[in-house]
Amino acid sequence: MAAAIDARSGHVAMFPFTVSDWPLTVSEPLSYRVDSCFLQVQGRLNEQATGVHVYRFDGQHFHLREAVRP
């Protein structure tokens, strides 16, 4: 299980998924930028869908915006 923590308020938002089985060419399945509200996830989510998934973080929750399956 993973989470995002707001450094100012201390609010914790749990990721709504687990991730496994990312490609061998990917060293880190989660990628983000500090100045962005998007999170890119590569691999198998919740032991089901494999691909690249893009989530938008609204400050409280993560919302799936796009899923690209191979």
PDB file of N, CA and C in Angstrom:
ATOM      1  N   MET A   1       0.844  -1.171   0.000  1.00  0.00           N
ATOM      2  CA  MET A   1       0.000   0.000   0.000  1.00  0.00           C
ATOM      3  C   MET A   1       0.891   1.235   0.000  1.00  0.00           C
ATOM      4  N   ALA A   2       0.450   2.256  -0.699  1.00  0.00           N
ATOM      5  CA  ALA A   2       1.220   3.496  -0.775  1.00  0.00           C
ATOM      6  C   ALA A   2       0.273   4.677  -0.564  1.00  0.00           C
ATOM      7  N   ALA A   3       0.864   5.841  -0.338  1.00  0.00           N
ATOM      8  CA  ALA A   3       0.055   7.024  -0.076  1.00  0.00           C
ATOM      9  C   ALA A   3       0.800   8.282  -0.496  1.00  0.00           C
ATOM     10  N   ALA A   4       0.039   9.362  -0.655  1.00  0.00           N
ATOM     11  CA  ALA A   4       0.600  10.698  -0.870  1.00  0.00           C
ATOM     12  C   ALA A   4       0.356  11.482   0.417  1.00  0.00           C
ATOM     13  N   ILE A   5       1.374  12.211   0.849  1.00  0.00           N
ATOM     14  CA  ILE A   5       1.258  12.982   2.087  1.00  0.00           C
ATOM     15  C   ILE A   5       1.515  14.449   1.778  1.00  0.00           C
ATOM     16  N   ASP A   6       0.578  15.314   2.174  1.00  0.00           N
ATOM     17  CA  ASP A   6       0.732  16.750   2.002  1.00  0.00           C
ATOM     18  C   ASP A   6       1.716  17.243   3.059  1.00  0.00           C
ATOM     19  N   ALA A   7       2.847  17.776   2.618  1.00  0.00           N
ATOM     20  CA  ALA A   7       3.892  18.216   3.538  1.00  0.00           C
ATOM     21  C   ALA A   7       3.447  19.371   4.434  1.00  0.00           C
ATOM     22  N   ARG A   8       2.529  20.191   3.961  1.00  0.00           N
ATOM     23  CA  ARG A   8       2.075  21.341   4.753  1.00  0.00           C
ATOM     24  C   ARG A   8       1.010  20.958   5.770  1.00  0.00           C
ATOM     25  N   SER A   9      -0.054  20.252   5.297  1.00  0.00           N
ATOM     26  CA  SER A   9      -1.182  19.949   6.178  1.00  0.00           C
ATOM     27  C   SER A   9      -1.049  18.612   6.894  1.00  0.00           C
ATOM     28  N   GLY A  10      -0.254  17.706   6.332  1.00  0.00           N
ATOM     29  CA  GLY A  10      -0.143  16.376   6.911  1.00  0.00           C
ATOM     30  C   GLY A  10      -1.220  15.425   6.448  1.00  0.00           C
ATOM     31  N   HIS A  11      -2.110  15.883   5.544  1.00  0.00           N
ATOM     32  CA  HIS A  11      -3.181  15.029   5.027  1.00  0.00           C
ATOM     33  C   HIS A  11      -2.582  13.836   4.285  1.00  0.00           C
ATOM     34  N   VAL A  12      -3.117  12.648   4.546  1.00  0.00           N
ATOM     35  CA  VAL A  12      -2.667  11.424   3.896  1.00  0.00           C
ATOM     36  C   VAL A  12      -3.757  10.928   2.964  1.00  0.00           C
ATOM     37  N   ALA A  13      -3.403  10.680   1.702  1.00  0.00           N
ATOM     38  CA  ALA A  13      -4.342  10.130   0.713  1.00  0.00           C
ATOM     39  C   ALA A  13      -3.782   8.801   0.235  1.00  0.00           C
ATOM     40  N   MET A  14      -4.470   7.727   0.547  1.00  0.00           N
ATOM     41  CA  MET A  14      -4.036   6.390   0.148  1.00  0.00           C
ATOM     42  C   MET A  14      -4.269   6.189  -1.347  1.00  0.00           C
ATOM     43  N   PHE A  15      -3.334   5.513  -2.010  1.00  0.00           N
ATOM     44  CA  PHE A  15      -3.529   5.169  -3.418  1.00  0.00           C
ATOM     45  C   PHE A  15      -4.683   4.163  -3.504  1.00  0.00           C
ATOM     46  N   PRO A  16      -5.571   4.303  -4.499  1.00  0.00           N
ATOM     47  CA  PRO A  16      -6.729   3.414  -4.612  1.00  0.00           C
ATOM     48  C   PRO A  16      -6.411   2.121  -5.361  1.00  0.00           C
ATOM     49  N   PHE A  17      -5.160   1.698  -5.344  1.00  0.00           N
ATOM     50  CA  PHE A  17      -4.753   0.522  -6.099  1.00  0.00           C
ATOM     51  C   PHE A  17      -3.463  -0.042  -5.529  1.00  0.00           C
ATOM     52  N   THR A  18      -3.154  -1.256  -5.947  1.00  0.00           N
ATOM     53  CA  THR A  18      -1.831  -1.823  -5.754  1.00  0.00           C
ATOM     54  C   THR A  18      -1.231  -1.986  -7.139  1.00  0.00           C
ATOM     55  N   VAL A  19       0.085  -2.025  -7.235  1.00  0.00           N
ATOM     56  CA  VAL A  19       0.741  -2.174  -8.537  1.00  0.00           C
ATOM     57  C   VAL A  19       1.802  -3.265  -8.444  1.00  0.00           C
ATOM     58  N   SER A  20       1.851  -4.093  -9.489  1.00  0.00           N
ATOM     59  CA  SER A  20       2.840  -5.159  -9.565  1.00  0.00           C
ATOM     60  C   SER A  20       3.158  -5.432 -11.031  1.00  0.00           C
ATOM     61  N   ASP A  21       4.119  -6.289 -11.271  1.00  0.00           N
ATOM     62  CA  ASP A  21       4.448  -6.762 -12.621  1.00  0.00           C
ATOM     63  C   ASP A  21       4.701  -5.646 -13.624  1.00  0.00           C
ATOM     64  N   TRP A  22       5.460  -4.612 -13.243  1.00  0.00           N
ATOM     65  CA  TRP A  22       5.784  -3.569 -14.209  1.00  0.00           C
ATOM     66  C   TRP A  22       6.879  -4.085 -15.141  1.00  0.00           C
ATOM     67  N   PRO A  23       7.021  -3.499 -16.328  1.00  0.00           N
ATOM     68  CA  PRO A  23       8.008  -3.970 -17.298  1.00  0.00           C
ATOM     69  C   PRO A  23       9.439  -3.915 -16.743  1.00  0.00           C
ATOM     70  N   LEU A  24      10.286  -4.829 -17.197  1.00  0.00           N
ATOM     71  CA  LEU A  24      11.674  -4.877 -16.741  1.00  0.00           C
ATOM     72  C   LEU A  24      12.448  -3.619 -17.102  1.00  0.00           C
ATOM     73  N   THR A  25      12.012  -2.906 -18.135  1.00  0.00           N
ATOM     74  CA  THR A  25      12.685  -1.672 -18.549  1.00  0.00           C
ATOM     75  C   THR A  25      12.333  -0.490 -17.660  1.00  0.00           C
ATOM     76  N   VAL A  26      11.379  -0.661 -16.765  1.00  0.00           N
ATOM     77  CA  VAL A  26      10.920   0.410 -15.868  1.00  0.00           C
ATOM     78  C   VAL A  26      11.528   0.178 -14.485  1.00  0.00           C
ATOM     79  N   SER A  27      12.321   1.145 -14.007  1.00  0.00           N
ATOM     80  CA  SER A  27      12.939   0.988 -12.689  1.00  0.00           C
ATOM     81  C   SER A  27      11.998   1.403 -11.555  1.00  0.00           C
ATOM     82  N   GLU A  28      11.058   2.286 -11.834  1.00  0.00           N
ATOM     83  CA  GLU A  28      10.104   2.754 -10.824  1.00  0.00           C
ATOM     84  C   GLU A  28       8.720   2.826 -11.468  1.00  0.00           C
ATOM     85  N   PRO A  29       7.738   2.071 -10.984  1.00  0.00           N
ATOM     86  CA  PRO A  29       6.419   2.039 -11.618  1.00  0.00           C
ATOM     87  C   PRO A  29       5.578   3.306 -11.412  1.00  0.00           C
ATOM     88  N   LEU A  30       5.928   4.123 -10.425  1.00  0.00           N
ATOM     89  CA  LEU A  30       5.198   5.364 -10.161  1.00  0.00           C
ATOM     90  C   LEU A  30       6.065   6.544 -10.578  1.00  0.00           C
ATOM     91  N   SER A  31       5.511   7.433 -11.409  1.00  0.00           N
ATOM     92  CA  SER A  31       6.270   8.633 -11.768  1.00  0.00           C
ATOM     93  C   SER A  31       5.376   9.859 -11.645  1.00  0.00           C
ATOM     94  N   TYR A  32       5.964  10.937 -11.179  1.00  0.00           N
ATOM     95  CA  TYR A  32       5.247  12.196 -10.955  1.00  0.00           C
ATOM     96  C   TYR A  32       6.252  13.336 -10.964  1.00  0.00           C
ATOM     97  N   ARG A  33       5.693  14.539 -11.022  1.00  0.00           N
ATOM     98  CA  ARG A  33       6.512  15.749 -10.871  1.00  0.00           C
ATOM     99  C   ARG A  33       5.914  16.556  -9.723  1.00  0.00           C
ATOM    100  N   VAL A  34       6.751  17.211  -8.983  1.00  0.00           N
ATOM    101  CA  VAL A  34       6.298  17.979  -7.820  1.00  0.00           C
ATOM    102  C   VAL A  34       5.326  19.084  -8.233  1.00  0.00           C
ATOM    103  N   ASP A  35       5.492  19.662  -9.430  1.00  0.00           N
ATOM    104  CA  ASP A  35       4.646  20.769  -9.885  1.00  0.00           C
ATOM    105  C   ASP A  35       3.430  20.305 -10.686  1.00  0.00           C
ATOM    106  N   SER A  36       3.033  19.051 -10.549  1.00  0.00           N
ATOM    107  CA  SER A  36       1.913  18.508 -11.321  1.00  0.00           C
ATOM    108  C   SER A  36       0.963  17.749 -10.402  1.00  0.00           C
ATOM    109  N   CYS A  37      -0.287  17.638 -10.812  1.00  0.00           N
ATOM    110  CA  CYS A  37      -1.276  16.878 -10.045  1.00  0.00           C
ATOM    111  C   CYS A  37      -1.491  15.489 -10.644  1.00  0.00           C
ATOM    112  N   PHE A  38      -0.639  15.088 -11.597  1.00  0.00           N
ATOM    113  CA  PHE A  38      -0.795  13.801 -12.266  1.00  0.00           C
ATOM    114  C   PHE A  38       0.225  12.780 -11.765  1.00  0.00           C
ATOM    115  N   LEU A  39      -0.234  11.537 -11.706  1.00  0.00           N
ATOM    116  CA  LEU A  39       0.591  10.408 -11.329  1.00  0.00           C
ATOM    117  C   LEU A  39       0.480   9.369 -12.432  1.00  0.00           C
ATOM    118  N   GLN A  40       1.606   8.901 -12.944  1.00  0.00           N
ATOM    119  CA  GLN A  40       1.608   7.869 -13.970  1.00  0.00           C
ATOM    120  C   GLN A  40       2.051   6.558 -13.332  1.00  0.00           C
ATOM    121  N   VAL A  41       1.276   5.505 -13.576  1.00  0.00           N
ATOM    122  CA  VAL A  41       1.544   4.202 -12.991  1.00  0.00           C
ATOM    123  C   VAL A  41       1.703   3.187 -14.121  1.00  0.00           C
ATOM    124  N   GLN A  42       2.803   2.434 -14.096  1.00  0.00           N
ATOM    125  CA  GLN A  42       3.039   1.412 -15.103  1.00  0.00           C
ATOM    126  C   GLN A  42       3.055   0.048 -14.436  1.00  0.00           C
ATOM    127  N   GLY A  43       2.273  -0.877 -14.985  1.00  0.00           N
ATOM    128  CA  GLY A  43       2.249  -2.238 -14.449  1.00  0.00           C
ATOM    129  C   GLY A  43       0.844  -2.765 -14.344  1.00  0.00           C
ATOM    130  N   ARG A  44       0.688  -3.770 -13.501  1.00  0.00           N
ATOM    131  CA  ARG A  44      -0.610  -4.429 -13.303  1.00  0.00           C
ATOM    132  C   ARG A  44      -1.257  -3.840 -12.052  1.00  0.00           C
ATOM    133  N   LEU A  45      -2.433  -3.232 -12.223  1.00  0.00           N
ATOM    134  CA  LEU A  45      -3.146  -2.640 -11.098  1.00  0.00           C
ATOM    135  C   LEU A  45      -4.124  -3.642 -10.501  1.00  0.00           C
ATOM    136  N   ASN A  46      -4.090  -3.755  -9.182  1.00  0.00           N
ATOM    137  CA  ASN A  46      -4.989  -4.634  -8.434  1.00  0.00           C
ATOM    138  C   ASN A  46      -5.016  -6.048  -9.001  1.00  0.00           C
ATOM    139  N   GLU A  47      -3.869  -6.506  -9.498  1.00  0.00           N
ATOM    140  CA  GLU A  47      -3.727  -7.850 -10.055  1.00  0.00           C
ATOM    141  C   GLU A  47      -4.662  -8.081 -11.246  1.00  0.00           C
ATOM    142  N   GLN A  48      -5.055  -7.011 -11.958  1.00  0.00           N
ATOM    143  CA  GLN A  48      -5.966  -7.143 -13.088  1.00  0.00           C
ATOM    144  C   GLN A  48      -5.413  -6.488 -14.343  1.00  0.00           C
ATOM    145  N   ALA A  49      -5.626  -5.217 -14.513  1.00  0.00           N
ATOM    146  CA  ALA A  49      -5.321  -4.507 -15.759  1.00  0.00           C
ATOM    147  C   ALA A  49      -3.840  -4.134 -15.850  1.00  0.00           C
ATOM    148  N   THR A  50      -3.186  -4.542 -16.947  1.00  0.00           N
ATOM    149  CA  THR A  50      -1.795  -4.183 -17.199  1.00  0.00           C
ATOM    150  C   THR A  50      -1.748  -3.043 -18.196  1.00  0.00           C
ATOM    151  N   GLY A  51      -0.850  -2.095 -17.985  1.00  0.00           N
ATOM    152  CA  GLY A  51      -0.680  -0.984 -18.912  1.00  0.00           C
ATOM    153  C   GLY A  51      -0.140   0.242 -18.202  1.00  0.00           C
ATOM    154  N   VAL A  52      -0.375   1.395 -18.823  1.00  0.00           N
ATOM    155  CA  VAL A  52       0.011   2.681 -18.251  1.00  0.00           C
ATOM    156  C   VAL A  52      -1.273   3.372 -17.824  1.00  0.00           C
ATOM    157  N   HIS A  53      -1.340   3.787 -16.576  1.00  0.00           N
ATOM    158  CA  HIS A  53      -2.532   4.419 -16.012  1.00  0.00           C
ATOM    159  C   HIS A  53      -2.161   5.805 -15.512  1.00  0.00           C
ATOM    160  N   VAL A  54      -2.967   6.793 -15.836  1.00  0.00           N
ATOM    161  CA  VAL A  54      -2.712   8.169 -15.406  1.00  0.00           C
ATOM    162  C   VAL A  54      -3.815   8.591 -14.440  1.00  0.00           C
ATOM    163  N   TYR A  55      -3.402   9.010 -13.262  1.00  0.00           N
ATOM    164  CA  TYR A  55      -4.335   9.483 -12.237  1.00  0.00           C
ATOM    165  C   TYR A  55      -4.144  10.969 -12.015  1.00  0.00           C
ATOM    166  N   ARG A  56      -5.245  11.641 -11.697  1.00  0.00           N
ATOM    167  CA  ARG A  56      -5.211  13.056 -11.313  1.00  0.00           C
ATOM    168  C   ARG A  56      -5.517  13.128  -9.823  1.00  0.00           C
ATOM    169  N   PHE A  57      -4.704  13.868  -9.102  1.00  0.00           N
ATOM    170  CA  PHE A  57      -4.888  14.036  -7.666  1.00  0.00           C
ATOM    171  C   PHE A  57      -5.516  15.394  -7.405  1.00  0.00           C
ATOM    172  N   ASP A  58      -6.672  15.416  -6.752  1.00  0.00           N
ATOM    173  CA  ASP A  58      -7.380  16.675  -6.506  1.00  0.00           C
ATOM    174  C   ASP A  58      -7.088  17.273  -5.131  1.00  0.00           C
ATOM    175  N   GLY A  59      -6.103  16.719  -4.453  1.00  0.00           N
ATOM    176  CA  GLY A  59      -5.771  17.185  -3.110  1.00  0.00           C
ATOM    177  C   GLY A  59      -6.337  16.276  -2.037  1.00  0.00           C
ATOM    178  N   GLN A  60      -7.304  15.455  -2.395  1.00  0.00           N
ATOM    179  CA  GLN A  60      -7.926  14.527  -1.454  1.00  0.00           C
ATOM    180  C   GLN A  60      -7.935  13.085  -1.974  1.00  0.00           C
ATOM    181  N   HIS A  61      -8.212  12.938  -3.289  1.00  0.00           N
ATOM    182  CA  HIS A  61      -8.382  11.614  -3.888  1.00  0.00           C
ATOM    183  C   HIS A  61      -7.692  11.531  -5.250  1.00  0.00           C
ATOM    184  N   PHE A  62      -7.416  10.305  -5.659  1.00  0.00           N
ATOM    185  CA  PHE A  62      -6.857  10.037  -6.980  1.00  0.00           C
ATOM    186  C   PHE A  62      -7.987   9.599  -7.899  1.00  0.00           C
ATOM    187  N   HIS A  63      -8.034  10.184  -9.108  1.00  0.00           N
ATOM    188  CA  HIS A  63      -9.070   9.863 -10.092  1.00  0.00           C
ATOM    189  C   HIS A  63      -8.395   9.372 -11.370  1.00  0.00           C
ATOM    190  N   LEU A  64      -8.811   8.207 -11.842  1.00  0.00           N
ATOM    191  CA  LEU A  64      -8.248   7.661 -13.071  1.00  0.00           C
ATOM    192  C   LEU A  64      -8.658   8.540 -14.251  1.00  0.00           C
ATOM    193  N   ARG A  65      -7.693   9.034 -15.001  1.00  0.00           N
ATOM    194  CA  ARG A  65      -7.971   9.905 -16.154  1.00  0.00           C
ATOM    195  C   ARG A  65      -7.803   9.155 -17.472  1.00  0.00           C
ATOM    196  N   GLU A  66      -6.839   8.229 -17.520  1.00  0.00           N
ATOM    197  CA  GLU A  66      -6.551   7.533 -18.770  1.00  0.00           C
ATOM    198  C   GLU A  66      -5.877   6.194 -18.461  1.00  0.00           C
ATOM    199  N   ALA A  67      -6.201   5.189 -19.263  1.00  0.00           N
ATOM    200  CA  ALA A  67      -5.546   3.882 -19.151  1.00  0.00           C
ATOM    201  C   ALA A  67      -5.192   3.432 -20.559  1.00  0.00           C
ATOM    202  N   VAL A  68      -3.924   3.116 -20.772  1.00  0.00           N
ATOM    203  CA  VAL A  68      -3.451   2.652 -22.081  1.00  0.00           C
ATOM    204  C   VAL A  68      -2.987   1.222 -21.886  1.00  0.00           C
ATOM    205  N   ARG A  69      -3.673   0.305 -22.543  1.00  0.00           N
ATOM    206  CA  ARG A  69      -3.338  -1.118 -22.437  1.00  0.00           C
ATOM    207  C   ARG A  69      -2.501  -1.542 -23.644  1.00  0.00           C
ATOM    208  N   PRO A  70      -1.534  -2.418 -23.419  1.00  0.00           N
ATOM    209  CA  PRO A  70      -0.701  -2.894 -24.552  1.00  0.00           C
ATOM    210  C   PRO A  70      -1.482  -3.771 -25.518  1.00  0.00           C
TER     211      PRO A  70
END
